[in-house]
PDB file of N, CA and C in Angstrom:
ATOM      1  N   MET A   1      20.864-105.745   7.913  1.00  0.00           N
ATOM      2  CA  MET A   1      21.756-104.632   8.185  1.00  0.00           C
ATOM      3  C   MET A   1      23.188-105.161   8.180  1.00  0.00           C
ATOM      4  N   ASP A   2      24.058-104.469   7.484  1.00  0.00           N
ATOM      5  CA  ASP A   2      25.444-104.903   7.407  1.00  0.00           C
ATOM      6  C   ASP A   2      26.270-104.256   8.529  1.00  0.00           C
ATOM      7  N   TRP A   3      27.580-104.594   8.555  1.00  0.00           N
ATOM      8  CA  TRP A   3      28.447-104.100   9.630  1.00  0.00           C
ATOM      9  C   TRP A   3      28.570-102.579   9.607  1.00  0.00           C
ATOM     10  N   GLN A   4      28.752-102.002   8.419  1.00  0.00           N
ATOM     11  CA  GLN A   4      28.855-100.549   8.328  1.00  0.00           C
ATOM     12  C   GLN A   4      27.523 -99.900   8.706  1.00  0.00           C
ATOM     13  N   GLY A   5      26.416-100.546   8.368  1.00  0.00           N
ATOM     14  CA  GLY A   5      25.101-100.039   8.739  1.00  0.00           C
ATOM     15  C   GLY A   5      24.889-100.051  10.245  1.00  0.00           C
ATOM     16  N   GLN A   6      25.387-101.098  10.908  1.00  0.00           N
ATOM     17  CA  GLN A   6      25.286-101.151  12.371  1.00  0.00           C
ATOM     18  C   GLN A   6      26.088-100.028  13.003  1.00  0.00           C
ATOM     19  N   LYS A   7      27.263 -99.783  12.460  1.00  0.00           N
ATOM     20  CA  LYS A   7      28.108 -98.702  12.995  1.00  0.00           C
ATOM     21  C   LYS A   7      27.426 -97.350  12.784  1.00  0.00           C
ATOM     22  N   LEU A   8      26.862 -97.141  11.592  1.00  0.00           N
ATOM     23  CA  LEU A   8      26.166 -95.887  11.299  1.00  0.00           C
ATOM     24  C   LEU A   8      24.946 -95.719  12.199  1.00  0.00           C
ATOM     25  N   ALA A   9      24.180 -96.791  12.401  1.00  0.00           N
ATOM     26  CA  ALA A   9      23.002 -96.720  13.266  1.00  0.00           C
ATOM     27  C   ALA A   9      23.399 -96.369  14.701  1.00  0.00           C
ATOM     28  N   GLU A  10      24.483 -96.953  15.175  1.00  0.00           N
ATOM     29  CA  GLU A  10      24.968 -96.651  16.534  1.00  0.00           C
ATOM     30  C   GLU A  10      25.391 -95.195  16.656  1.00  0.00           C
ATOM     31  N   GLN A  11      26.121 -94.689  15.650  1.00  0.00           N
ATOM     32  CA  GLN A  11      26.559 -93.297  15.684  1.00  0.00           C
ATOM     33  C   GLN A  11      25.365 -92.346  15.603  1.00  0.00           C
ATOM     34  N   LEU A  12      24.412 -92.648  14.721  1.00  0.00           N
ATOM     35  CA  LEU A  12      23.204 -91.813  14.624  1.00  0.00           C
ATOM     36  C   LEU A  12      22.439 -91.789  15.940  1.00  0.00           C
ATOM     37  N   MET A  13      22.321 -92.959  16.571  1.00  0.00           N
ATOM     38  CA  MET A  13      21.603 -93.038  17.834  1.00  0.00           C
ATOM     39  C   MET A  13      22.267 -92.162  18.892  1.00  0.00           C
ATOM     40  N   GLN A  14      23.586 -92.254  19.015  1.00  0.00           N
ATOM     41  CA  GLN A  14      24.286 -91.471  20.031  1.00  0.00           C
ATOM     42  C   GLN A  14      24.170 -89.974  19.760  1.00  0.00           C
ATOM     43  N   ILE A  15      24.337 -89.570  18.510  1.00  0.00           N
ATOM     44  CA  ILE A  15      24.253 -88.149  18.167  1.00  0.00           C
ATOM     45  C   ILE A  15      22.845 -87.613  18.386  1.00  0.00           C
ATOM     46  N   MET A  16      21.845 -88.377  17.921  1.00  0.00           N
ATOM     47  CA  MET A  16      20.465 -87.903  18.050  1.00  0.00           C
ATOM     48  C   MET A  16      20.029 -87.815  19.513  1.00  0.00           C
ATOM     49  N   LEU A  17      20.383 -88.822  20.318  1.00  0.00           N
ATOM     50  CA  LEU A  17      19.988 -88.775  21.731  1.00  0.00           C
ATOM     51  C   LEU A  17      20.663 -87.618  22.463  1.00  0.00           C
ATOM     52  N   LEU A  18      21.924 -87.377  22.155  1.00  0.00           N
ATOM     53  CA  LEU A  18      22.611 -86.249  22.779  1.00  0.00           C
ATOM     54  C   LEU A  18      21.983 -84.928  22.348  1.00  0.00           C
ATOM     55  N   ALA A  19      21.688 -84.799  21.052  1.00  0.00           N
ATOM     56  CA  ALA A  19      21.069 -83.567  20.548  1.00  0.00           C
ATOM     57  C   ALA A  19      19.694 -83.340  21.185  1.00  0.00           C
ATOM     58  N   PHE A  20      18.889 -84.390  21.260  1.00  0.00           N
ATOM     59  CA  PHE A  20      17.571 -84.228  21.874  1.00  0.00           C
ATOM     60  C   PHE A  20      17.661 -83.949  23.370  1.00  0.00           C
ATOM     61  N   ALA A  21      18.684 -84.480  24.031  1.00  0.00           N
ATOM     62  CA  ALA A  21      18.862 -84.184  25.454  1.00  0.00           C
ATOM     63  C   ALA A  21      19.176 -82.705  25.650  1.00  0.00           C
ATOM     64  N   VAL A  22      20.045 -82.152  24.812  1.00  0.00           N
ATOM     65  CA  VAL A  22      20.395 -80.729  24.912  1.00  0.00           C
ATOM     66  C   VAL A  22      19.184 -79.861  24.581  1.00  0.00           C
ATOM     67  N   ILE A  23      18.476 -80.216  23.501  1.00  0.00           N
ATOM     68  CA  ILE A  23      17.285 -79.450  23.105  1.00  0.00           C
ATOM     69  C   ILE A  23      16.217 -79.520  24.193  1.00  0.00           C
ATOM     70  N   ALA A  24      16.003 -80.717  24.745  1.00  0.00           N
ATOM     71  CA  ALA A  24      14.987 -80.877  25.786  1.00  0.00           C
ATOM     72  C   ALA A  24      15.355 -80.085  27.032  1.00  0.00           C
ATOM     73  N   PHE A  25      16.624 -80.124  27.418  1.00  0.00           N
ATOM     74  CA  PHE A  25      17.031 -79.360  28.590  1.00  0.00           C
ATOM     75  C   PHE A  25      16.830 -77.865  28.355  1.00  0.00           C
ATOM     76  N   GLY A  26      17.226 -77.394  27.177  1.00  0.00           N
ATOM     77  CA  GLY A  26      17.056 -75.976  26.855  1.00  0.00           C
ATOM     78  C   GLY A  26      15.592 -75.558  26.849  1.00  0.00           C
ATOM     79  N   ALA A  27      14.739 -76.378  26.226  1.00  0.00           N
ATOM     80  CA  ALA A  27      13.311 -76.054  26.184  1.00  0.00           C
ATOM     81  C   ALA A  27      12.699 -76.076  27.577  1.00  0.00           C
ATOM     82  N   GLY A  28      13.073 -77.074  28.366  1.00  0.00           N
ATOM     83  CA  GLY A  28      12.546 -77.156  29.731  1.00  0.00           C
ATOM     84  C   GLY A  28      13.016 -76.007  30.597  1.00  0.00           C
ATOM     85  N   TYR A  29      14.250 -75.597  30.420  1.00  0.00           N
ATOM     86  CA  TYR A  29      14.810 -74.493  31.194  1.00  0.00           C
ATOM     87  C   TYR A  29      14.146 -73.167  30.825  1.00  0.00           C
ATOM     88  N   LEU A  30      14.010 -72.936  29.508  1.00  0.00           N
ATOM     89  CA  LEU A  30      13.401 -71.679  29.064  1.00  0.00           C
ATOM     90  C   LEU A  30      11.932 -71.563  29.457  1.00  0.00           C
ATOM     91  N   MET A  31      11.233 -72.677  29.427  1.00  0.00           N
ATOM     92  CA  MET A  31       9.805 -72.653  29.774  1.00  0.00           C
ATOM     93  C   MET A  31       9.576 -72.946  31.257  1.00  0.00           C
ATOM     94  N   ALA A  32      10.649 -73.240  31.974  1.00  0.00           N
ATOM     95  CA  ALA A  32      10.567 -73.578  33.396  1.00  0.00           C
ATOM     96  C   ALA A  32       9.570 -74.704  33.623  1.00  0.00           C
ATOM     97  N   SER A  33       9.687 -75.729  32.781  1.00  0.00           N
ATOM     98  CA  SER A  33       8.737 -76.835  32.846  1.00  0.00           C
ATOM     99  C   SER A  33       9.483 -78.159  32.716  1.00  0.00           C
ATOM    100  N   PHE A  34       9.406 -78.931  33.788  1.00  0.00           N
ATOM    101  CA  PHE A  34      10.004 -80.261  33.770  1.00  0.00           C
ATOM    102  C   PHE A  34       9.246 -81.167  32.809  1.00  0.00           C
ATOM    103  N   GLN A  35       7.944 -80.999  32.746  1.00  0.00           N
ATOM    104  CA  GLN A  35       7.116 -81.807  31.855  1.00  0.00           C
ATOM    105  C   GLN A  35       7.495 -81.570  30.381  1.00  0.00           C
ATOM    106  N   THR A  36       7.735 -80.328  30.013  1.00  0.00           N
ATOM    107  CA  THR A  36       8.150 -80.010  28.645  1.00  0.00           C
ATOM    108  C   THR A  36       9.474 -80.684  28.327  1.00  0.00           C
ATOM    109  N   MET A  37      10.392 -80.674  29.275  1.00  0.00           N
ATOM    110  CA  MET A  37      11.687 -81.303  29.062  1.00  0.00           C
ATOM    111  C   MET A  37      11.523 -82.808  28.837  1.00  0.00           C
ATOM    112  N   ILE A  38      10.757 -83.459  29.679  1.00  0.00           N
ATOM    113  CA  ILE A  38      10.563 -84.909  29.574  1.00  0.00           C
ATOM    114  C   ILE A  38       9.848 -85.263  28.276  1.00  0.00           C
ATOM    115  N   LEU A  39       8.809 -84.521  27.913  1.00  0.00           N
ATOM    116  CA  LEU A  39       8.065 -84.814  26.684  1.00  0.00           C
ATOM    117  C   LEU A  39       8.921 -84.577  25.439  1.00  0.00           C
ATOM    118  N   THR A  40       9.738 -83.536  25.456  1.00  0.00           N
ATOM    119  CA  THR A  40      10.624 -83.273  24.325  1.00  0.00           C
ATOM    120  C   THR A  40      11.640 -84.395  24.175  1.00  0.00           C
ATOM    121  N   TYR A  41      12.216 -84.815  25.279  1.00  0.00           N
ATOM    122  CA  TYR A  41      13.198 -85.894  25.211  1.00  0.00           C
ATOM    123  C   TYR A  41      12.538 -87.212  24.806  1.00  0.00           C
ATOM    124  N   ALA A  42      11.347 -87.490  25.330  1.00  0.00           N
ATOM    125  CA  ALA A  42      10.629 -88.723  24.959  1.00  0.00           C
ATOM    126  C   ALA A  42      10.318 -88.739  23.459  1.00  0.00           C
ATOM    127  N   GLY A  43       9.924 -87.590  22.928  1.00  0.00           N
ATOM    128  CA  GLY A  43       9.699 -87.499  21.485  1.00  0.00           C
ATOM    129  C   GLY A  43      10.981 -87.764  20.708  1.00  0.00           C
ATOM    130  N   GLY A  44      12.092 -87.270  21.211  1.00  0.00           N
ATOM    131  CA  GLY A  44      13.385 -87.518  20.577  1.00  0.00           C
ATOM    132  C   GLY A  44      13.779 -88.988  20.618  1.00  0.00           C
ATOM    133  N   VAL A  45      13.485 -89.651  21.721  1.00  0.00           N
ATOM    134  CA  VAL A  45      13.782 -91.082  21.834  1.00  0.00           C
ATOM    135  C   VAL A  45      12.938 -91.878  20.829  1.00  0.00           C
ATOM    136  N   VAL A  46      11.667 -91.518  20.706  1.00  0.00           N
ATOM    137  CA  VAL A  46      10.798 -92.203  19.744  1.00  0.00           C
ATOM    138  C   VAL A  46      11.302 -91.974  18.317  1.00  0.00           C
ATOM    139  N   LEU A  47      11.635 -90.734  17.984  1.00  0.00           N
ATOM    140  CA  LEU A  47      12.146 -90.430  16.647  1.00  0.00           C
ATOM    141  C   LEU A  47      13.469 -91.154  16.381  1.00  0.00           C
ATOM    142  N   THR A  48      14.349 -91.178  17.366  1.00  0.00           N
ATOM    143  CA  THR A  48      15.623 -91.887  17.228  1.00  0.00           C
ATOM    144  C   THR A  48      15.391 -93.378  17.002  1.00  0.00           C
ATOM    145  N   THR A  49      14.436 -93.950  17.715  1.00  0.00           N
ATOM    146  CA  THR A  49      14.109 -95.357  17.540  1.00  0.00           C
ATOM    147  C   THR A  49      13.592 -95.629  16.139  1.00  0.00           C
ATOM    148  N   LEU A  50      12.739 -94.758  15.635  1.00  0.00           N
ATOM    149  CA  LEU A  50      12.200 -94.939  14.288  1.00  0.00           C
ATOM    150  C   LEU A  50      13.278 -94.806  13.209  1.00  0.00           C
ATOM    151  N   VAL A  51      14.311 -94.036  13.475  1.00  0.00           N
ATOM    152  CA  VAL A  51      15.377 -93.849  12.487  1.00  0.00           C
ATOM    153  C   VAL A  51      16.396 -94.988  12.544  1.00  0.00           C
ATOM    154  N   THR A  52      16.717 -95.484  13.729  1.00  0.00           N
ATOM    155  CA  THR A  52      17.842 -96.410  13.859  1.00  0.00           C
ATOM    156  C   THR A  52      17.466 -97.884  13.973  1.00  0.00           C
ATOM    157  N   VAL A  53      16.275 -98.222  14.415  1.00  0.00           N
ATOM    158  CA  VAL A  53      15.949 -99.632  14.628  1.00  0.00           C
ATOM    159  C   VAL A  53      15.536-100.369  13.350  1.00  0.00           C
ATOM    160  N   PRO A  54      14.634 -99.843  12.519  1.00  0.00           N
ATOM    161  CA  PRO A  54      14.257-100.605  11.315  1.00  0.00           C
ATOM    162  C   PRO A  54      15.433-100.775  10.354  1.00  0.00           C
ATOM    163  N   ASN A  55      15.332-101.790   9.531  1.00  0.00           N
ATOM    164  CA  ASN A  55      16.394-102.089   8.565  1.00  0.00           C
ATOM    165  C   ASN A  55      16.173-101.256   7.304  1.00  0.00           C
ATOM    166  N   TRP A  56      16.498 -99.970   7.380  1.00  0.00           N
ATOM    167  CA  TRP A  56      16.330 -99.062   6.249  1.00  0.00           C
ATOM    168  C   TRP A  56      17.364 -99.372   5.173  1.00  0.00           C
ATOM    169  N   PRO A  57      17.070 -99.061   3.898  1.00  0.00           N
ATOM    170  CA  PRO A  57      18.032 -99.334   2.819  1.00  0.00           C
ATOM    171  C   PRO A  57      19.376 -98.613   2.996  1.00  0.00           C
ATOM    172  N   PHE A  58      19.387 -97.426   3.590  1.00  0.00           N
ATOM    173  CA  PHE A  58      20.666 -96.727   3.754  1.00  0.00           C
ATOM    174  C   PHE A  58      21.558 -97.401   4.797  1.00  0.00           C
ATOM    175  N   LEU A  59      21.004 -98.332   5.581  1.00  0.00           N
ATOM    176  CA  LEU A  59      21.806 -99.081   6.542  1.00  0.00           C
ATOM    177  C   LEU A  59      22.283-100.412   5.963  1.00  0.00           C
ATOM    178  N   ASN A  60      21.935-100.690   4.715  1.00  0.00           N
ATOM    179  CA  ASN A  60      22.279-101.970   4.100  1.00  0.00           C
ATOM    180  C   ASN A  60      22.964-101.742   2.753  1.00  0.00           C
ATOM    181  N   ARG A  61      23.909-100.831   2.709  1.00  0.00           N
ATOM    182  CA  ARG A  61      24.606-100.496   1.461  1.00  0.00           C
ATOM    183  C   ARG A  61      25.754-101.437   1.145  1.00  0.00           C
ATOM    184  N   HIS A  62      26.258-102.151   2.132  1.00  0.00           N
ATOM    185  CA  HIS A  62      27.412-103.034   1.941  1.00  0.00           C
ATOM    186  C   HIS A  62      27.041-104.454   2.365  1.00  0.00           C
ATOM    187  N   PRO A  63      26.239-105.161   1.560  1.00  0.00           N
ATOM    188  CA  PRO A  63      25.810-106.505   1.977  1.00  0.00           C
ATOM    189  C   PRO A  63      26.975-107.494   1.993  1.00  0.00           C
ATOM    190  N   LEU A  64      26.877-108.469   2.870  1.00  0.00           N
ATOM    191  CA  LEU A  64      27.909-109.485   2.981  1.00  0.00           C
ATOM    192  C   LEU A  64      27.713-110.546   1.912  1.00  0.00           C
ATOM    193  N   LYS A  65      28.809-111.071   1.408  1.00  0.00           N
ATOM    194  CA  LYS A  65      28.742-112.149   0.424  1.00  0.00           C
ATOM    195  C   LYS A  65      28.964-113.470   1.156  1.00  0.00           C
ATOM    196  N   TRP A  66      27.932-114.296   1.204  1.00  0.00           N
ATOM    197  CA  TRP A  66      28.005-115.577   1.879  1.00  0.00           C
ATOM    198  C   TRP A  66      28.419-116.650   0.881  1.00  0.00           C
ATOM    199  N   LEU A  67      29.106-117.669   1.365  1.00  0.00           N
ATOM    200  CA  LEU A  67      29.487-118.793   0.530  1.00  0.00           C
ATOM    201  C   LEU A  67      28.297-119.727   0.352  1.00  0.00           C
ATOM    202  N   ASP A  68      28.243-120.354  -0.822  1.00  0.00           N
ATOM    203  CA  ASP A  68      27.252-121.407  -1.032  1.00  0.00           C
ATOM    204  C   ASP A  68      27.645-122.612  -0.186  1.00  0.00           C
ATOM    205  N   PRO A  69      26.683-123.432   0.232  1.00  0.00           N
ATOM    206  CA  PRO A  69      27.037-124.627   1.011  1.00  0.00           C
ATOM    207  C   PRO A  69      27.992-125.554   0.249  1.00  0.00           C
ATOM    208  N   SER A  70      27.881-125.599  -1.081  1.00  0.00           N
ATOM    209  CA  SER A  70      28.791-126.452  -1.848  1.00  0.00           C
ATOM    210  C   SER A  70      30.224-125.931  -1.757  1.00  0.00           C
ATOM    211  N   GLU A  71      30.417-124.621  -1.709  1.00  0.00           N
ATOM    212  CA  GLU A  71      31.753-124.045  -1.573  1.00  0.00           C
ATOM    213  C   GLU A  71      32.350-124.343  -0.196  1.00  0.00           C
ATOM    214  N   VAL A  72      31.525-124.360   0.808  1.00  0.00           N
ATOM    215  CA  VAL A  72      32.006-124.638   2.162  1.00  0.00           C
ATOM    216  C   VAL A  72      32.536-126.061   2.243  1.00  0.00           C
ATOM    217  N   GLU A  73      31.850-126.995   1.583  1.00  0.00           N
ATOM    218  CA  GLU A  73      32.288-128.391   1.604  1.00  0.00           C
ATOM    219  C   GLU A  73      33.614-128.563   0.857  1.00  0.00           C
ATOM    220  N   LYS A  74      33.863-127.767  -0.178  1.00  0.00           N
ATOM    221  CA  LYS A  74      35.106-127.856  -0.939  1.00  0.00           C
ATOM    222  C   LYS A  74      36.303-127.335  -0.142  1.00  0.00           C
ATOM    223  N   HIS A  75      36.067-126.408   0.760  1.00  0.00           N
ATOM    224  CA  HIS A  75      37.140-125.786   1.538  1.00  0.00           C
ATOM    225  C   HIS A  75      36.870-125.998   3.024  1.00  0.00           C
ATOM    226  N   PRO A  76      37.273-127.140   3.576  1.00  0.00           N
ATOM    227  CA  PRO A  76      36.988-127.405   4.999  1.00  0.00           C
ATOM    228  C   PRO A  76      37.777-126.472   5.912  1.00  0.00           C
ATOM    229  N   LYS A  77      37.276-126.346   7.086  1.00  0.00           N
ATOM    230  CA  LYS A  77      37.925-125.504   8.089  1.00  0.00           C
ATOM    231  C   LYS A  77      39.260-126.115   8.483  1.00  0.00           C
ATOM    232  N   PRO A  78      40.344-125.320   8.518  1.00  0.00           N
ATOM    233  CA  PRO A  78      41.653-125.878   8.888  1.00  0.00           C
ATOM    234  C   PRO A  78      41.674-126.301  10.356  1.00  0.00           C
ATOM    235  N   GLN A  79      42.359-127.418  10.599  1.00  0.00           N
ATOM    236  CA  GLN A  79      42.476-127.951  11.957  1.00  0.00           C
ATOM    237  C   GLN A  79      43.763-127.419  12.584  1.00  0.00           C
ATOM    238  N   PRO A  80      43.752-127.135  13.878  1.00  0.00           N
ATOM    239  CA  PRO A  80      44.987-126.664  14.523  1.00  0.00           C
ATOM    240  C   PRO A  80      46.045-127.772  14.507  1.00  0.00           C
ATOM    241  N   SER A  81      47.285-127.368  14.313  1.00  0.00           N
ATOM    242  CA  SER A  81      48.366-128.362  14.260  1.00  0.00           C
ATOM    243  C   SER A  81      48.657-128.893  15.653  1.00  0.00           C
ATOM    244  N   VAL A  82      49.164-130.110  15.692  1.00  0.00           N
ATOM    245  CA  VAL A  82      49.446-130.779  16.955  1.00  0.00           C
ATOM    246  C   VAL A  82      50.710-130.235  17.600  1.00  0.00           C
ATOM    247  N   ASN A  83      51.639-129.682  16.820  1.00  0.00           N
ATOM    248  CA  ASN A  83      52.936-129.236  17.317  1.00  0.00           C
ATOM    249  C   ASN A  83      52.894-127.864  17.996  1.00  0.00           C
ATOM    250  N   VAL A  84      51.745-127.288  18.127  1.00  0.00           N
ATOM    251  CA  VAL A  84      51.654-125.969  18.743  1.00  0.00           C
ATOM    252  C   VAL A  84      51.936-126.107  20.235  1.00  0.00           C
ATOM    253  N   THR A  85      52.891-125.321  20.723  1.00  0.00           N
ATOM    254  CA  THR A  85      53.229-125.375  22.149  1.00  0.00           C
ATOM    255  C   THR A  85      52.303-124.444  22.915  1.00  0.00           C
ATOM    256  N   GLN A  86      51.863-124.918  24.030  1.00  0.00           N
ATOM    257  CA  GLN A  86      50.982-124.118  24.871  1.00  0.00           C
ATOM    258  C   GLN A  86      51.752-123.702  26.114  1.00  0.00           C
ATOM    259  N   LYS A  87      51.462-122.483  26.556  1.00  0.00           N
ATOM    260  CA  LYS A  87      52.110-121.984  27.763  1.00  0.00           C
ATOM    261  C   LYS A  87      51.495-122.673  28.978  1.00  0.00           C
ATOM    262  N   LYS A  88      52.342-123.153  29.843  1.00  0.00           N
ATOM    263  CA  LYS A  88      51.864-123.777  31.066  1.00  0.00           C
ATOM    264  C   LYS A  88      51.877-122.752  32.187  1.00  0.00           C
ATOM    265  N   LYS A  89      50.849-122.771  32.976  1.00  0.00           N
ATOM    266  CA  LYS A  89      50.792-121.869  34.115  1.00  0.00           C
ATOM    267  C   LYS A  89      51.577-122.477  35.275  1.00  0.00           C
ATOM    268  N   HIS A  90      52.447-121.693  35.854  1.00  0.00           N
ATOM    269  CA  HIS A  90      53.229-122.149  36.996  1.00  0.00           C
ATOM    270  C   HIS A  90      52.459-121.799  38.266  1.00  0.00           C
ATOM    271  N   ILE A  91      52.307-122.786  39.102  1.00  0.00           N
ATOM    272  CA  ILE A  91      51.586-122.593  40.346  1.00  0.00           C
ATOM    273  C   ILE A  91      52.601-122.389  41.460  1.00  0.00           C
ATOM    274  N   LYS A  92      52.472-121.276  42.168  1.00  0.00           N
ATOM    275  CA  LYS A  92      53.364-120.998  43.288  1.00  0.00           C
ATOM    276  C   LYS A  92      52.836-121.673  44.528  1.00  0.00           C
ATOM    277  N   LYS A  93      53.722-122.307  45.281  1.00  0.00           N
ATOM    278  CA  LYS A  93      53.318-122.973  46.511  1.00  0.00           C
ATOM    279  C   LYS A  93      53.847-122.230  47.702  1.00  0.00           C
TER     280      LYS A  93
END
């Protein structure tokens, strides 16, 4: 799953859980049944999990391009310069 896929999965999860909470509350209220409300919401949680947790192809539309190990060796990580000034914390006595 790529970064955009993670964002989409998070948004889908929030929208679906909110929608199922509203639907479950409405169904439970109309039927005057707490059990109906809980079962409706539990079904929504299961459905939301099935939609957002697996690595579906629509969540992997923007794959990351990784460097080959040989490319990493050609371009080493830059080292911080020695001349960088650091802020000193002043201690009050």
